[in-house]
Amino acid sequence: MAAFTALTVIVVTQVIPHVTLATGITAVVANLVGGITPDIDQPTAPFWKNLPIGRYVGRTFDKFLGGHRFLSHSIVGVVLFGFAFHYLLQVLKPSFPHLNMDVIWWSFIIGYASHLIMDTFTTEGVPWFLPIPIKLGFPPIKSLRIQTGGLIERFVIFPGLMLVTIYFIYSNYDKVKIILHSYLK
C-alpha cells in the first residue's frame, strides 16, 4: 500500500509526462512489484509464495543476498535492482515500443524506495549504508518502532495509507480528472 500511496502522491503533486493507458497500467504494476522487491531476500515473502517453485528459489536468493534486510534493503540494493530493472526494460522495449519505459522505471523505484522508508519505522530497521552493517530505524529508540505484521501495522498504518491515498486523490480531483481524460488515451 505504501508503494501505491507514494506513487499517487507524486502523480497528483508533480508534473507528469503524457502517458498512454498501457504505460499507466504497466507503471502501476511496476510500482507494486517495486514495493515487494526488497523482500526478495526472504524465502517466505509473498513474492515467492505465489510462484510454483518459489520457496526453493527464495532460499537461493536469501543466501545470495545475505539474508533478510541486508543487501536488498540498502542504497546499494536500490542501485543494483534499479539497474537490473532498467536493463530488463531496455530488453523489453523493442517488443513494447509504445510504453514509456522511463515512467515505468521511475514507478518501480518509487515503490522500492517506499518499502525501505516504511521498513525504517519497524523494530528491525534498515541497513541503508551497506557495507556499513548498521541498521537504522526511526525513532532511534527501538521500543517505539512498529512491529512488522503487528496490530499497529495492520490496523493503523495500512488504513492510514489508504486514507492518505484517498485524501490526495480527492483533494487533487481536478488533476486526477485531467489525467484520466487527457493523459490516458
N, C-alpha and C. Protein backbone atom coordinates (compact mmCIF):
# COMPACT_ATOMS: atom_id res chain seq x y z
N MET A 1 0.83 -1.20 0.00
CA MET A 1 0.00 0.00 0.00
C MET A 1 0.87 1.25 0.00
N ALA A 2 2.02 1.17 0.67
CA ALA A 2 2.91 2.33 0.73
C ALA A 2 3.41 2.71 -0.66
N ALA A 3 3.69 1.71 -1.48
CA ALA A 3 4.17 1.97 -2.84
C ALA A 3 3.12 2.73 -3.64
N PHE A 4 1.88 2.27 -3.58
CA PHE A 4 0.81 2.91 -4.33
C PHE A 4 0.52 4.31 -3.78
N THR A 5 0.56 4.46 -2.47
CA THR A 5 0.35 5.78 -1.86
C THR A 5 1.42 6.75 -2.33
N ALA A 6 2.69 6.31 -2.29
CA ALA A 6 3.79 7.18 -2.73
C ALA A 6 3.62 7.57 -4.20
N LEU A 7 3.27 6.60 -5.04
CA LEU A 7 3.07 6.89 -6.46
C LEU A 7 1.91 7.88 -6.65
N THR A 8 0.83 7.68 -5.92
CA THR A 8 -0.33 8.58 -6.02
C THR A 8 0.05 10.00 -5.63
N VAL A 9 0.77 10.15 -4.53
CA VAL A 9 1.18 11.49 -4.07
C VAL A 9 2.04 12.17 -5.13
N ILE A 10 2.96 11.43 -5.71
CA ILE A 10 3.84 12.02 -6.73
C ILE A 10 3.06 12.38 -7.99
N VAL A 11 2.19 11.50 -8.42
CA VAL A 11 1.41 11.76 -9.65
C VAL A 11 0.52 12.98 -9.49
N VAL A 12 -0.12 13.14 -8.34
CA VAL A 12 -1.06 14.25 -8.20
C VAL A 12 -0.40 15.56 -7.77
N THR A 13 0.85 15.51 -7.33
CA THR A 13 1.50 16.75 -6.89
C THR A 13 2.61 17.23 -7.83
N GLN A 14 3.01 16.41 -8.77
CA GLN A 14 4.10 16.77 -9.67
C GLN A 14 3.59 16.83 -11.11
N VAL A 15 4.37 17.48 -11.95
CA VAL A 15 4.06 17.49 -13.37
C VAL A 15 4.50 16.15 -13.93
N ILE A 16 3.58 15.45 -14.56
CA ILE A 16 3.92 14.15 -15.12
C ILE A 16 3.85 14.22 -16.64
N PRO A 17 4.64 13.37 -17.30
CA PRO A 17 4.59 13.38 -18.76
C PRO A 17 3.30 12.75 -19.27
N HIS A 18 2.99 13.03 -20.50
CA HIS A 18 1.85 12.41 -21.15
C HIS A 18 2.12 10.91 -21.27
N VAL A 19 1.20 10.10 -20.80
CA VAL A 19 1.38 8.64 -20.87
C VAL A 19 0.15 8.00 -21.49
N THR A 20 0.37 6.87 -22.09
CA THR A 20 -0.74 6.10 -22.64
C THR A 20 -1.37 5.27 -21.53
N LEU A 21 -2.55 4.75 -21.79
CA LEU A 21 -3.21 3.88 -20.83
C LEU A 21 -2.33 2.67 -20.52
N ALA A 22 -1.70 2.10 -21.55
CA ALA A 22 -0.83 0.94 -21.36
C ALA A 22 0.35 1.28 -20.46
N THR A 23 0.95 2.44 -20.66
CA THR A 23 2.06 2.86 -19.81
C THR A 23 1.56 3.08 -18.38
N GLY A 24 0.41 3.71 -18.22
CA GLY A 24 -0.14 3.96 -16.89
C GLY A 24 -0.38 2.68 -16.11
N ILE A 25 -1.01 1.71 -16.76
CA ILE A 25 -1.29 0.43 -16.10
C ILE A 25 0.01 -0.30 -15.79
N THR A 26 0.93 -0.33 -16.74
CA THR A 26 2.21 -1.00 -16.54
C THR A 26 3.00 -0.31 -15.43
N ALA A 27 2.93 1.01 -15.36
CA ALA A 27 3.64 1.75 -14.31
C ALA A 27 3.08 1.41 -12.93
N VAL A 28 1.78 1.27 -12.81
CA VAL A 28 1.19 0.89 -11.52
C VAL A 28 1.65 -0.51 -11.13
N VAL A 29 1.65 -1.44 -12.08
CA VAL A 29 2.12 -2.80 -11.80
C VAL A 29 3.60 -2.77 -11.40
N ALA A 30 4.41 -2.01 -12.13
CA ALA A 30 5.84 -1.90 -11.80
C ALA A 30 6.03 -1.30 -10.41
N ASN A 31 5.19 -0.34 -10.05
CA ASN A 31 5.25 0.26 -8.72
C ASN A 31 4.97 -0.78 -7.65
N LEU A 32 3.95 -1.58 -7.84
CA LEU A 32 3.61 -2.61 -6.86
C LEU A 32 4.69 -3.68 -6.79
N VAL A 33 5.27 -4.05 -7.92
CA VAL A 33 6.38 -5.00 -7.93
C VAL A 33 7.58 -4.39 -7.21
N GLY A 34 7.86 -3.12 -7.46
CA GLY A 34 8.95 -2.44 -6.76
C GLY A 34 8.71 -2.43 -5.26
N GLY A 35 7.46 -2.31 -4.86
CA GLY A 35 7.12 -2.29 -3.45
C GLY A 35 7.37 -3.60 -2.72
N ILE A 36 7.36 -4.72 -3.44
CA ILE A 36 7.62 -6.01 -2.79
C ILE A 36 9.02 -6.54 -3.09
N THR A 37 9.71 -5.95 -4.04
CA THR A 37 11.03 -6.45 -4.44
C THR A 37 12.05 -6.49 -3.32
N PRO A 38 12.13 -5.51 -2.42
CA PRO A 38 13.15 -5.63 -1.37
C PRO A 38 13.03 -6.91 -0.54
N ASP A 39 11.84 -7.46 -0.42
CA ASP A 39 11.66 -8.69 0.33
C ASP A 39 11.97 -9.94 -0.48
N ILE A 40 12.58 -9.77 -1.64
CA ILE A 40 13.01 -10.90 -2.45
C ILE A 40 14.08 -11.71 -1.70
N ASP A 41 14.65 -11.09 -0.67
CA ASP A 41 15.68 -11.75 0.14
C ASP A 41 15.09 -12.59 1.27
N GLN A 42 13.79 -12.76 1.28
CA GLN A 42 13.12 -13.53 2.32
C GLN A 42 12.35 -14.68 1.68
N PRO A 43 12.75 -15.94 1.94
CA PRO A 43 12.10 -17.08 1.27
C PRO A 43 10.61 -17.21 1.55
N THR A 44 10.13 -16.62 2.64
CA THR A 44 8.71 -16.72 2.98
C THR A 44 7.91 -15.52 2.50
N ALA A 45 8.51 -14.65 1.72
CA ALA A 45 7.83 -13.44 1.23
C ALA A 45 6.69 -13.81 0.28
N PRO A 46 5.65 -12.96 0.22
CA PRO A 46 4.54 -13.21 -0.70
C PRO A 46 4.99 -13.39 -2.15
N PHE A 47 6.05 -12.68 -2.54
CA PHE A 47 6.58 -12.81 -3.90
C PHE A 47 6.87 -14.27 -4.23
N TRP A 48 7.53 -14.98 -3.31
CA TRP A 48 7.92 -16.37 -3.56
C TRP A 48 6.75 -17.33 -3.37
N LYS A 49 5.84 -17.01 -2.47
CA LYS A 49 4.71 -17.90 -2.20
C LYS A 49 3.80 -18.04 -3.41
N ASN A 50 3.79 -17.04 -4.29
CA ASN A 50 2.91 -17.05 -5.45
C ASN A 50 3.51 -17.74 -6.67
N LEU A 51 4.73 -18.22 -6.56
CA LEU A 51 5.37 -18.93 -7.66
C LEU A 51 5.40 -20.43 -7.34
N PRO A 52 5.22 -21.29 -8.36
CA PRO A 52 5.16 -22.73 -8.11
C PRO A 52 6.38 -23.29 -7.34
N ILE A 53 7.58 -22.89 -7.72
CA ILE A 53 8.77 -23.37 -7.00
C ILE A 53 9.44 -22.22 -6.24
N GLY A 54 8.65 -21.24 -5.91
CA GLY A 54 9.16 -20.03 -5.28
C GLY A 54 9.87 -20.26 -3.97
N ARG A 55 9.39 -21.20 -3.19
CA ARG A 55 10.01 -21.46 -1.89
C ARG A 55 11.48 -21.86 -2.04
N TYR A 56 11.77 -22.65 -3.07
CA TYR A 56 13.14 -23.12 -3.29
C TYR A 56 14.02 -22.02 -3.89
N VAL A 57 13.46 -21.28 -4.84
CA VAL A 57 14.19 -20.18 -5.45
C VAL A 57 14.43 -19.10 -4.40
N GLY A 58 13.44 -18.85 -3.55
CA GLY A 58 13.56 -17.86 -2.49
C GLY A 58 14.69 -18.17 -1.53
N ARG A 59 14.89 -19.44 -1.23
CA ARG A 59 16.01 -19.82 -0.35
C ARG A 59 17.35 -19.48 -0.99
N THR A 60 17.45 -19.66 -2.31
CA THR A 60 18.69 -19.33 -3.02
C THR A 60 18.93 -17.83 -2.97
N PHE A 61 17.89 -17.04 -3.26
CA PHE A 61 18.03 -15.59 -3.20
C PHE A 61 18.38 -15.12 -1.80
N ASP A 62 17.79 -15.76 -0.80
CA ASP A 62 18.05 -15.40 0.59
C ASP A 62 19.55 -15.51 0.89
N LYS A 63 20.16 -16.61 0.49
CA LYS A 63 21.59 -16.82 0.73
C LYS A 63 22.44 -15.87 -0.13
N PHE A 64 22.05 -15.72 -1.38
CA PHE A 64 22.81 -14.87 -2.31
C PHE A 64 22.82 -13.40 -1.87
N LEU A 65 21.70 -12.94 -1.33
CA LEU A 65 21.58 -11.53 -0.95
C LEU A 65 21.96 -11.26 0.51
N GLY A 66 22.42 -12.28 1.21
CA GLY A 66 22.91 -12.08 2.58
C GLY A 66 21.85 -12.18 3.65
N GLY A 67 20.67 -12.69 3.33
CA GLY A 67 19.61 -12.81 4.31
C GLY A 67 18.66 -11.62 4.26
N HIS A 68 17.62 -11.74 5.09
CA HIS A 68 16.59 -10.70 5.08
C HIS A 68 17.10 -9.40 5.68
N ARG A 69 16.67 -8.32 5.06
CA ARG A 69 17.06 -6.95 5.44
C ARG A 69 18.57 -6.77 5.42
N PHE A 70 19.14 -7.16 4.31
CA PHE A 70 20.57 -6.94 4.13
C PHE A 70 20.75 -6.17 2.82
N LEU A 71 21.29 -6.80 1.80
CA LEU A 71 21.64 -6.11 0.56
C LEU A 71 20.45 -5.43 -0.11
N SER A 72 19.33 -6.14 -0.23
CA SER A 72 18.18 -5.56 -0.94
C SER A 72 17.51 -4.43 -0.17
N HIS A 73 17.86 -4.26 1.09
CA HIS A 73 17.29 -3.19 1.93
C HIS A 73 18.30 -2.07 2.16
N SER A 74 19.12 -1.78 1.17
CA SER A 74 20.14 -0.74 1.30
C SER A 74 20.16 0.13 0.05
N ILE A 75 20.92 1.22 0.12
CA ILE A 75 21.08 2.07 -1.06
C ILE A 75 21.76 1.27 -2.18
N VAL A 76 22.70 0.41 -1.80
CA VAL A 76 23.36 -0.45 -2.80
C VAL A 76 22.31 -1.33 -3.48
N GLY A 77 21.37 -1.84 -2.71
CA GLY A 77 20.29 -2.66 -3.27
C GLY A 77 19.40 -1.87 -4.22
N VAL A 78 19.09 -0.64 -3.85
CA VAL A 78 18.28 0.22 -4.73
C VAL A 78 18.99 0.39 -6.07
N VAL A 79 20.30 0.65 -6.01
CA VAL A 79 21.07 0.85 -7.24
C VAL A 79 21.12 -0.44 -8.06
N LEU A 80 21.44 -1.56 -7.41
CA LEU A 80 21.55 -2.84 -8.13
C LEU A 80 20.23 -3.26 -8.77
N PHE A 81 19.15 -3.24 -7.97
CA PHE A 81 17.85 -3.63 -8.51
C PHE A 81 17.33 -2.60 -9.51
N GLY A 82 17.68 -1.33 -9.29
CA GLY A 82 17.30 -0.28 -10.25
C GLY A 82 17.95 -0.51 -11.60
N PHE A 83 19.26 -0.82 -11.58
CA PHE A 83 19.96 -1.12 -12.84
C PHE A 83 19.41 -2.39 -13.49
N ALA A 84 19.16 -3.41 -12.68
CA ALA A 84 18.63 -4.67 -13.23
C ALA A 84 17.27 -4.45 -13.88
N PHE A 85 16.40 -3.69 -13.22
CA PHE A 85 15.08 -3.43 -13.79
C PHE A 85 15.18 -2.57 -15.03
N HIS A 86 16.09 -1.60 -15.01
CA HIS A 86 16.31 -0.75 -16.19
C HIS A 86 16.78 -1.60 -17.37
N TYR A 87 17.70 -2.51 -17.10
CA TYR A 87 18.20 -3.41 -18.16
C TYR A 87 17.05 -4.26 -18.72
N LEU A 88 16.23 -4.81 -17.82
CA LEU A 88 15.08 -5.62 -18.26
C LEU A 88 14.15 -4.80 -19.14
N LEU A 89 13.89 -3.56 -18.75
CA LEU A 89 13.02 -2.70 -19.56
C LEU A 89 13.63 -2.41 -20.93
N GLN A 90 14.94 -2.24 -21.00
CA GLN A 90 15.60 -1.99 -22.29
C GLN A 90 15.53 -3.22 -23.18
N VAL A 91 15.61 -4.39 -22.59
CA VAL A 91 15.47 -5.63 -23.36
C VAL A 91 14.04 -5.76 -23.90
N LEU A 92 13.07 -5.36 -23.10
CA LEU A 92 11.66 -5.48 -23.50
C LEU A 92 11.19 -4.34 -24.42
N LYS A 93 11.92 -3.25 -24.43
CA LYS A 93 11.49 -2.05 -25.18
C LYS A 93 11.17 -2.32 -26.65
N PRO A 94 11.97 -3.08 -27.40
CA PRO A 94 11.61 -3.33 -28.81
C PRO A 94 10.27 -4.05 -28.98
N SER A 95 9.90 -4.87 -27.99
CA SER A 95 8.63 -5.59 -28.07
C SER A 95 7.44 -4.72 -27.68
N PHE A 96 7.71 -3.65 -26.92
CA PHE A 96 6.66 -2.76 -26.45
C PHE A 96 7.03 -1.31 -26.75
N PRO A 97 7.09 -0.93 -28.03
CA PRO A 97 7.59 0.41 -28.39
C PRO A 97 6.71 1.57 -27.91
N HIS A 98 5.46 1.31 -27.58
CA HIS A 98 4.57 2.40 -27.19
C HIS A 98 4.56 2.65 -25.68
N LEU A 99 5.31 1.84 -24.94
CA LEU A 99 5.39 2.06 -23.49
C LEU A 99 6.51 3.03 -23.17
N ASN A 100 6.26 3.94 -22.27
CA ASN A 100 7.28 4.87 -21.81
C ASN A 100 8.05 4.18 -20.69
N MET A 101 9.19 3.60 -21.03
CA MET A 101 9.96 2.81 -20.08
C MET A 101 10.53 3.67 -18.95
N ASP A 102 10.75 4.95 -19.19
CA ASP A 102 11.24 5.83 -18.12
C ASP A 102 10.19 5.98 -17.02
N VAL A 103 8.95 6.17 -17.40
CA VAL A 103 7.86 6.29 -16.43
C VAL A 103 7.72 4.98 -15.64
N ILE A 104 7.81 3.88 -16.35
CA ILE A 104 7.69 2.56 -15.70
C ILE A 104 8.84 2.34 -14.73
N TRP A 105 10.06 2.72 -15.13
CA TRP A 105 11.23 2.55 -14.26
C TRP A 105 11.08 3.40 -13.00
N TRP A 106 10.70 4.67 -13.17
CA TRP A 106 10.54 5.53 -12.01
C TRP A 106 9.45 5.01 -11.07
N SER A 107 8.40 4.46 -11.62
CA SER A 107 7.33 3.88 -10.79
C SER A 107 7.86 2.73 -9.95
N PHE A 108 8.70 1.89 -10.57
CA PHE A 108 9.33 0.79 -9.85
C PHE A 108 10.20 1.33 -8.71
N ILE A 109 11.03 2.32 -8.99
CA ILE A 109 11.93 2.90 -7.99
C ILE A 109 11.14 3.54 -6.85
N ILE A 110 10.06 4.22 -7.16
CA ILE A 110 9.22 4.82 -6.12
C ILE A 110 8.68 3.73 -5.20
N GLY A 111 8.22 2.63 -5.78
CA GLY A 111 7.73 1.51 -4.98
C GLY A 111 8.83 0.91 -4.12
N TYR A 112 9.99 0.71 -4.71
CA TYR A 112 11.13 0.12 -4.00
C TYR A 112 11.53 1.01 -2.82
N ALA A 113 11.71 2.30 -3.08
CA ALA A 113 12.14 3.23 -2.04
C ALA A 113 11.10 3.35 -0.93
N SER A 114 9.82 3.33 -1.30
CA SER A 114 8.77 3.44 -0.27
C SER A 114 8.83 2.25 0.69
N HIS A 115 9.17 1.07 0.18
CA HIS A 115 9.31 -0.12 1.04
C HIS A 115 10.41 0.11 2.07
N LEU A 116 11.55 0.61 1.61
CA LEU A 116 12.68 0.83 2.53
C LEU A 116 12.34 1.92 3.56
N ILE A 117 11.67 2.96 3.12
CA ILE A 117 11.29 4.02 4.05
C ILE A 117 10.35 3.47 5.12
N MET A 118 9.37 2.69 4.71
CA MET A 118 8.44 2.11 5.69
C MET A 118 9.16 1.15 6.63
N ASP A 119 10.08 0.35 6.12
CA ASP A 119 10.84 -0.58 6.97
C ASP A 119 11.73 0.15 7.97
N THR A 120 12.08 1.39 7.68
CA THR A 120 12.89 2.18 8.61
C THR A 120 12.12 2.44 9.91
N PHE A 121 10.81 2.41 9.86
CA PHE A 121 9.98 2.64 11.05
C PHE A 121 9.69 1.36 11.83
N THR A 122 10.23 0.24 11.38
CA THR A 122 9.97 -1.02 12.07
C THR A 122 11.07 -1.33 13.07
N THR A 123 10.79 -2.27 13.95
CA THR A 123 11.73 -2.67 15.01
C THR A 123 13.09 -3.05 14.44
N GLU A 124 13.10 -3.75 13.31
CA GLU A 124 14.35 -4.25 12.75
C GLU A 124 15.21 -3.16 12.12
N GLY A 125 14.59 -2.11 11.59
CA GLY A 125 15.34 -1.06 10.91
C GLY A 125 15.86 -1.52 9.55
N VAL A 126 16.68 -0.69 8.92
CA VAL A 126 17.19 -0.96 7.57
C VAL A 126 18.67 -0.59 7.50
N PRO A 127 19.50 -1.46 6.88
CA PRO A 127 20.93 -1.14 6.75
C PRO A 127 21.18 -0.24 5.53
N TRP A 128 20.68 0.97 5.58
CA TRP A 128 20.74 1.89 4.45
C TRP A 128 22.13 1.99 3.83
N PHE A 129 23.17 2.02 4.66
CA PHE A 129 24.51 2.36 4.16
C PHE A 129 25.46 1.16 4.07
N LEU A 130 24.92 -0.01 3.72
CA LEU A 130 25.81 -1.16 3.49
C LEU A 130 26.92 -0.73 2.55
N PRO A 131 28.12 -1.15 2.73
CA PRO A 131 28.59 -2.26 3.56
C PRO A 131 28.74 -1.95 5.04
N ILE A 132 28.44 -0.75 5.49
CA ILE A 132 28.42 -0.48 6.92
C ILE A 132 27.18 -1.20 7.47
N PRO A 133 27.36 -2.22 8.31
CA PRO A 133 26.25 -3.10 8.70
C PRO A 133 25.39 -2.57 9.86
N ILE A 134 25.15 -1.29 9.91
CA ILE A 134 24.33 -0.72 10.97
C ILE A 134 22.92 -0.50 10.43
N LYS A 135 21.95 -1.10 11.11
CA LYS A 135 20.56 -0.92 10.70
C LYS A 135 20.01 0.34 11.37
N LEU A 136 19.52 1.24 10.53
CA LEU A 136 18.95 2.49 11.02
C LEU A 136 17.44 2.37 11.14
N GLY A 137 16.90 2.97 12.15
CA GLY A 137 15.47 2.98 12.34
C GLY A 137 15.02 4.29 12.93
N PHE A 138 13.75 4.57 12.75
CA PHE A 138 13.17 5.78 13.31
C PHE A 138 11.87 5.42 14.00
N PRO A 139 11.67 5.90 15.19
CA PRO A 139 12.56 6.71 16.00
C PRO A 139 13.77 5.90 16.46
N PRO A 140 14.80 6.60 16.93
CA PRO A 140 16.03 5.91 17.33
C PRO A 140 15.83 4.89 18.46
N ILE A 141 14.83 5.09 19.29
CA ILE A 141 14.55 4.15 20.38
C ILE A 141 13.75 2.99 19.81
N LYS A 142 14.37 1.80 19.79
CA LYS A 142 13.80 0.63 19.13
C LYS A 142 12.41 0.27 19.67
N SER A 143 12.20 0.42 20.95
CA SER A 143 10.92 0.02 21.55
C SER A 143 9.76 0.90 21.08
N LEU A 144 10.05 2.04 20.47
CA LEU A 144 9.00 2.92 19.97
C LEU A 144 8.65 2.65 18.50
N ARG A 145 9.38 1.73 17.89
CA ARG A 145 9.13 1.42 16.47
C ARG A 145 8.01 0.39 16.32
N ILE A 146 7.58 0.22 15.11
CA ILE A 146 6.45 -0.66 14.79
C ILE A 146 6.93 -2.09 14.53
N GLN A 147 6.17 -3.05 15.01
CA GLN A 147 6.46 -4.46 14.76
C GLN A 147 5.90 -4.84 13.39
N THR A 148 6.74 -5.40 12.53
CA THR A 148 6.30 -5.84 11.20
C THR A 148 5.17 -6.86 11.34
N GLY A 149 4.07 -6.61 10.65
CA GLY A 149 2.92 -7.52 10.69
C GLY A 149 2.11 -7.43 11.95
N GLY A 150 2.43 -6.49 12.81
CA GLY A 150 1.73 -6.34 14.08
C GLY A 150 0.41 -5.60 13.94
N LEU A 151 -0.24 -5.41 15.09
CA LEU A 151 -1.54 -4.76 15.11
C LEU A 151 -1.48 -3.32 14.61
N ILE A 152 -0.45 -2.59 15.01
CA ILE A 152 -0.35 -1.19 14.56
C ILE A 152 -0.20 -1.12 13.05
N GLU A 153 0.61 -2.01 12.49
CA GLU A 153 0.79 -2.00 11.04
C GLU A 153 -0.51 -2.34 10.33
N ARG A 154 -1.20 -3.36 10.82
CA ARG A 154 -2.41 -3.81 10.15
C ARG A 154 -3.62 -2.92 10.36
N PHE A 155 -3.73 -2.33 11.56
CA PHE A 155 -4.95 -1.59 11.87
C PHE A 155 -4.78 -0.08 11.97
N VAL A 156 -3.56 0.41 11.88
CA VAL A 156 -3.33 1.86 11.91
C VAL A 156 -2.60 2.31 10.64
N ILE A 157 -1.44 1.70 10.36
CA ILE A 157 -0.62 2.13 9.21
C ILE A 157 -1.32 1.85 7.89
N PHE A 158 -1.76 0.61 7.68
CA PHE A 158 -2.39 0.25 6.41
C PHE A 158 -3.65 1.09 6.15
N PRO A 159 -4.59 1.17 7.10
CA PRO A 159 -5.75 2.04 6.86
C PRO A 159 -5.35 3.51 6.70
N GLY A 160 -4.32 3.93 7.45
CA GLY A 160 -3.84 5.31 7.32
C GLY A 160 -3.34 5.60 5.93
N LEU A 161 -2.60 4.65 5.34
CA LEU A 161 -2.11 4.83 3.98
C LEU A 161 -3.27 4.89 2.98
N MET A 162 -4.28 4.08 3.23
CA MET A 162 -5.46 4.13 2.36
C MET A 162 -6.13 5.50 2.45
N LEU A 163 -6.25 6.03 3.66
CA LEU A 163 -6.87 7.35 3.83
C LEU A 163 -6.03 8.45 3.19
N VAL A 164 -4.72 8.36 3.31
CA VAL A 164 -3.84 9.35 2.67
C VAL A 164 -4.02 9.30 1.16
N THR A 165 -4.07 8.09 0.60
CA THR A 165 -4.27 7.94 -0.84
C THR A 165 -5.60 8.55 -1.27
N ILE A 166 -6.65 8.22 -0.55
CA ILE A 166 -7.97 8.78 -0.87
C ILE A 166 -7.96 10.30 -0.73
N TYR A 167 -7.33 10.81 0.31
CA TYR A 167 -7.25 12.26 0.52
C TYR A 167 -6.56 12.95 -0.65
N PHE A 168 -5.41 12.41 -1.08
CA PHE A 168 -4.68 13.05 -2.18
C PHE A 168 -5.45 12.97 -3.49
N ILE A 169 -6.14 11.88 -3.71
CA ILE A 169 -6.96 11.78 -4.93
C ILE A 169 -8.12 12.77 -4.85
N TYR A 170 -8.78 12.82 -3.70
CA TYR A 170 -9.93 13.73 -3.52
C TYR A 170 -9.50 15.19 -3.59
N SER A 171 -8.43 15.55 -2.88
CA SER A 171 -8.02 16.95 -2.83
C SER A 171 -7.39 17.43 -4.14
N ASN A 172 -7.02 16.50 -5.00
CA ASN A 172 -6.46 16.86 -6.31
C ASN A 172 -7.35 16.31 -7.42
N TYR A 173 -8.65 16.30 -7.15
CA TYR A 173 -9.61 15.70 -8.07
C TYR A 173 -9.52 16.28 -9.47
N ASP A 174 -9.35 17.60 -9.58
CA ASP A 174 -9.27 18.21 -10.92
C ASP A 174 -8.09 17.65 -11.71
N LYS A 175 -6.93 17.50 -11.06
CA LYS A 175 -5.78 16.94 -11.76
C LYS A 175 -6.00 15.46 -12.10
N VAL A 176 -6.60 14.73 -11.18
CA VAL A 176 -6.89 13.31 -11.44
C VAL A 176 -7.82 13.19 -12.63
N LYS A 177 -8.82 14.06 -12.69
CA LYS A 177 -9.77 14.04 -13.81
C LYS A 177 -9.05 14.34 -15.13
N ILE A 178 -8.15 15.31 -15.12
CA ILE A 178 -7.38 15.64 -16.32
C ILE A 178 -6.53 14.44 -16.74
N ILE A 179 -5.90 13.80 -15.77
CA ILE A 179 -5.06 12.62 -16.07
C ILE A 179 -5.91 11.54 -16.71
N LEU A 180 -7.05 11.26 -16.11
CA LEU A 180 -7.91 10.19 -16.63
C LEU A 180 -8.48 10.53 -18.00
N HIS A 181 -8.80 11.80 -18.23
CA HIS A 181 -9.41 12.19 -19.51
C HIS A 181 -8.39 12.50 -20.60
N SER A 182 -7.24 13.05 -20.22
CA SER A 182 -6.30 13.53 -21.23
C SER A 182 -5.07 12.63 -21.39
N TYR A 183 -4.44 12.32 -20.28
CA TYR A 183 -3.17 11.60 -20.35
C TYR A 183 -3.33 10.14 -20.76
N LEU A 184 -4.35 9.51 -20.25
CA LEU A 184 -4.51 8.09 -20.51
C LEU A 184 -5.43 7.85 -21.70
N LYS A 185 -4.86 7.97 -22.87
CA LYS A 185 -5.63 7.75 -24.11
C LYS A 185 -5.22 6.45 -24.74
